[in-house]
Amino acid sequence: MADLKFQAVAHDHKAFLEKAAKRRGFGEAYEALGVEYALAHEMLAARARAGLTQEAVADRMGTTKSAISRLESAGKHAPSVASLKRYAAAVGCTLKIELVPAAPKRRRATQAGVAEGTAR
């Protein structure tokens, strides 16, 4: 029974972000949790591709639906690598973790000029 397919609930993420962006402080908070939201998005997309419910994933992982809900929620919990590997296997994926060099931060021209002693 745990392998039942489900019908995904329609969600227009772009419309959600446009509406949420009007709230004070949303942009900064969303930006600060960017990695967490990206991870949550990947997890939800993988589960949707597999056509599984949270209950089915929980059954495959030997845990509860509420534990899966916590895993899939951005910013509230920091799942361990072991949990992410188990989740990936449960939805028919493998886990890939990648460290990408950050782009160097560019200084503003006025700050660069002051630092170099060229500003007037």
C-alpha atoms as a PDB file:
ATOM      1  CA  MET A   1       0.000   0.000   0.000  1.00  0.00           C
ATOM      2  CA  ALA A   2       2.927   2.338   0.560  1.00  0.00           C
ATOM      3  CA  ASP A   3       3.754   2.487  -3.163  1.00  0.00           C
ATOM      4  CA  LEU A   4       0.487   4.198  -4.121  1.00  0.00           C
ATOM      5  CA  LYS A   5       0.848   6.860  -6.778  1.00  0.00           C
ATOM      6  CA  PHE A   6      -0.459  10.313  -6.005  1.00  0.00           C
ATOM      7  CA  GLN A   7      -1.716  13.343  -7.864  1.00  0.00           C
ATOM      8  CA  ALA A   8       0.534  16.309  -7.168  1.00  0.00           C
ATOM      9  CA  VAL A   9      -1.146  19.466  -5.914  1.00  0.00           C
ATOM     10  CA  ALA A  10      -0.723  22.306  -8.408  1.00  0.00           C
ATOM     11  CA  HIS A  11       1.595  25.008  -7.114  1.00  0.00           C
ATOM     12  CA  ASP A  12       2.670  28.086  -9.032  1.00  0.00           C
ATOM     13  CA  HIS A  13       5.948  28.869  -7.285  1.00  0.00           C
ATOM     14  CA  LYS A  14       6.612  31.941  -9.415  1.00  0.00           C
ATOM     15  CA  ALA A  15       3.240  33.454  -8.436  1.00  0.00           C
ATOM     16  CA  PHE A  16       3.890  32.557  -4.808  1.00  0.00           C
ATOM     17  CA  LEU A  17       7.266  34.330  -4.864  1.00  0.00           C
ATOM     18  CA  GLU A  18       5.816  37.423  -6.559  1.00  0.00           C
ATOM     19  CA  LYS A  19       3.140  37.701  -3.879  1.00  0.00           C
ATOM     20  CA  ALA A  20       5.523  36.929  -1.009  1.00  0.00           C
ATOM     21  CA  ALA A  21       8.127  39.409  -2.283  1.00  0.00           C
ATOM     22  CA  LYS A  22       5.740  42.235  -1.379  1.00  0.00           C
ATOM     23  CA  ARG A  23       6.082  41.399   2.320  1.00  0.00           C
ATOM     24  CA  ARG A  24       8.667  43.329   4.292  1.00  0.00           C
ATOM     25  CA  GLY A  25      11.834  41.324   4.951  1.00  0.00           C
ATOM     26  CA  PHE A  26      10.844  38.428   2.718  1.00  0.00           C
ATOM     27  CA  GLY A  27      13.648  38.950   0.191  1.00  0.00           C
ATOM     28  CA  GLU A  28      16.390  38.928   2.804  1.00  0.00           C
ATOM     29  CA  ALA A  29      14.949  35.931   4.622  1.00  0.00           C
ATOM     30  CA  TYR A  30      14.460  33.970   1.389  1.00  0.00           C
ATOM     31  CA  GLU A  31      17.986  34.803   0.239  1.00  0.00           C
ATOM     32  CA  ALA A  32      19.460  33.718   3.580  1.00  0.00           C
ATOM     33  CA  LEU A  33      17.807  30.299   3.209  1.00  0.00           C
ATOM     34  CA  GLY A  34      18.605  29.901  -0.489  1.00  0.00           C
ATOM     35  CA  VAL A  35      20.513  26.628  -0.124  1.00  0.00           C
ATOM     36  CA  GLU A  36      17.844  25.157   2.144  1.00  0.00           C
ATOM     37  CA  TYR A  37      15.070  26.099  -0.303  1.00  0.00           C
ATOM     38  CA  ALA A  38      17.058  24.628  -3.197  1.00  0.00           C
ATOM     39  CA  LEU A  39      17.475  21.364  -1.279  1.00  0.00           C
ATOM     40  CA  ALA A  40      13.772  21.243  -0.387  1.00  0.00           C
ATOM     41  CA  HIS A  41      12.878  21.897  -4.031  1.00  0.00           C
ATOM     42  CA  GLU A  42      15.138  19.053  -5.213  1.00  0.00           C
ATOM     43  CA  MET A  43      13.674  16.668  -2.667  1.00  0.00           C
ATOM     44  CA  LEU A  44      10.081  17.509  -3.588  1.00  0.00           C
ATOM     45  CA  ALA A  45      10.854  17.259  -7.302  1.00  0.00           C
ATOM     46  CA  ALA A  46      12.489  13.838  -6.846  1.00  0.00           C
ATOM     47  CA  ARG A  47       9.528  12.545  -4.851  1.00  0.00           C
ATOM     48  CA  ALA A  48       7.100  13.883  -7.465  1.00  0.00           C
ATOM     49  CA  ARG A  49       9.096  12.216 -10.280  1.00  0.00           C
ATOM     50  CA  ALA A  50       8.924   8.952  -8.349  1.00  0.00           C
ATOM     51  CA  GLY A  51       5.166   9.437  -7.938  1.00  0.00           C
ATOM     52  CA  LEU A  52       5.367   8.754  -4.215  1.00  0.00           C
ATOM     53  CA  THR A  53       3.542  10.184  -1.233  1.00  0.00           C
ATOM     54  CA  GLN A  54       5.336  11.203   1.945  1.00  0.00           C
ATOM     55  CA  GLU A  55       3.820   8.102   3.528  1.00  0.00           C
ATOM     56  CA  ALA A  56       5.316   5.856   0.829  1.00  0.00           C
ATOM     57  CA  VAL A  57       8.756   7.438   1.237  1.00  0.00           C
ATOM     58  CA  ALA A  58       8.477   7.058   5.012  1.00  0.00           C
ATOM     59  CA  ASP A  59       7.608   3.383   4.626  1.00  0.00           C
ATOM     60  CA  ARG A  60      10.625   2.827   2.367  1.00  0.00           C
ATOM     61  CA  MET A  61      12.885   4.629   4.857  1.00  0.00           C
ATOM     62  CA  GLY A  62      11.407   2.934   7.907  1.00  0.00           C
ATOM     63  CA  THR A  63      10.268   6.194   9.465  1.00  0.00           C
ATOM     64  CA  THR A  64       7.120   8.283   9.832  1.00  0.00           C
ATOM     65  CA  LYS A  65       5.314  10.631   7.474  1.00  0.00           C
ATOM     66  CA  SER A  66       5.944  13.503   9.881  1.00  0.00           C
ATOM     67  CA  ALA A  67       9.698  12.809   9.732  1.00  0.00           C
ATOM     68  CA  ILE A  68       9.557  13.061   5.933  1.00  0.00           C
ATOM     69  CA  SER A  69       7.614  16.304   6.216  1.00  0.00           C
ATOM     70  CA  ARG A  70      10.369  17.705   8.445  1.00  0.00           C
ATOM     71  CA  LEU A  71      13.061  16.545   6.004  1.00  0.00           C
ATOM     72  CA  GLU A  72      11.280  18.304   3.144  1.00  0.00           C
ATOM     73  CA  SER A  73      10.765  21.592   4.998  1.00  0.00           C
ATOM     74  CA  ALA A  74      13.334  24.268   4.228  1.00  0.00           C
ATOM     75  CA  GLY A  75      15.167  25.973   7.032  1.00  0.00           C
ATOM     76  CA  LYS A  76      13.505  24.287   9.989  1.00  0.00           C
ATOM     77  CA  HIS A  77      15.704  21.203  10.232  1.00  0.00           C
ATOM     78  CA  ALA A  78      19.179  20.352   8.980  1.00  0.00           C
ATOM     79  CA  PRO A  79      19.044  16.742   7.767  1.00  0.00           C
ATOM     80  CA  SER A  80      22.150  14.600   8.114  1.00  0.00           C
ATOM     81  CA  VAL A  81      23.950  13.266   5.069  1.00  0.00           C
ATOM     82  CA  ALA A  82      22.867   9.767   6.118  1.00  0.00           C
ATOM     83  CA  SER A  83      19.202  10.849   6.121  1.00  0.00           C
ATOM     84  CA  LEU A  84      19.590  12.504   2.715  1.00  0.00           C
ATOM     85  CA  LYS A  85      21.163   9.307   1.317  1.00  0.00           C
ATOM     86  CA  ARG A  86      18.280   7.221   2.660  1.00  0.00           C
ATOM     87  CA  TYR A  87      15.734   9.688   1.252  1.00  0.00           C
ATOM     88  CA  ALA A  88      17.465   9.663  -2.149  1.00  0.00           C
ATOM     89  CA  ALA A  89      17.409   5.864  -2.260  1.00  0.00           C
ATOM     90  CA  ALA A  90      13.734   5.824  -1.238  1.00  0.00           C
ATOM     91  CA  VAL A  91      12.791   8.059  -4.195  1.00  0.00           C
ATOM     92  CA  GLY A  92      15.016   6.177  -6.656  1.00  0.00           C
ATOM     93  CA  CYS A  93      17.910   8.615  -6.742  1.00  0.00           C
ATOM     94  CA  THR A  94      21.497   8.870  -5.607  1.00  0.00           C
ATOM     95  CA  LEU A  95      22.778  11.752  -3.513  1.00  0.00           C
ATOM     96  CA  LYS A  96      25.317  14.098  -5.072  1.00  0.00           C
ATOM     97  CA  ILE A  97      26.890  16.832  -2.967  1.00  0.00           C
ATOM     98  CA  GLU A  98      28.949  19.430  -4.741  1.00  0.00           C
ATOM     99  CA  LEU A  99      31.046  22.321  -3.443  1.00  0.00           C
ATOM    100  CA  VAL A 100      31.157  25.074  -6.036  1.00  0.00           C
ATOM    101  CA  PRO A 101      33.705  27.897  -5.775  1.00  0.00           C
ATOM    102  CA  ALA A 102      31.976  31.155  -4.935  1.00  0.00           C
ATOM    103  CA  ALA A 103      32.327  34.017  -7.353  1.00  0.00           C
ATOM    104  CA  PRO A 104      34.639  36.669  -5.924  1.00  0.00           C
ATOM    105  CA  LYS A 105      32.743  39.608  -4.480  1.00  0.00           C
ATOM    106  CA  ARG A 106      33.312  42.761  -6.461  1.00  0.00           C
ATOM    107  CA  ARG A 107      34.013  45.929  -4.565  1.00  0.00           C
ATOM    108  CA  ARG A 108      32.141  49.048  -5.528  1.00  0.00           C
ATOM    109  CA  ALA A 109      34.134  51.591  -7.506  1.00  0.00           C
ATOM    110  CA  THR A 110      33.948  54.171  -4.704  1.00  0.00           C
ATOM    111  CA  GLN A 111      35.201  51.669  -2.163  1.00  0.00           C
ATOM    112  CA  ALA A 112      37.964  50.524  -4.507  1.00  0.00           C
ATOM    113  CA  GLY A 113      38.994  54.108  -5.135  1.00  0.00           C
ATOM    114  CA  VAL A 114      39.192  54.853  -1.411  1.00  0.00           C
ATOM    115  CA  ALA A 115      41.126  51.673  -0.773  1.00  0.00           C
ATOM    116  CA  GLU A 116      43.633  52.522  -3.472  1.00  0.00           C
ATOM    117  CA  GLY A 117      43.864  56.167  -2.490  1.00  0.00           C
ATOM    118  CA  THR A 118      42.508  57.420  -5.795  1.00  0.00           C
ATOM    119  CA  ALA A 119      39.204  58.851  -4.557  1.00  0.00           C
ATOM    120  CA  ARG A 120      38.921  62.608  -4.225  1.00  0.00           C
END
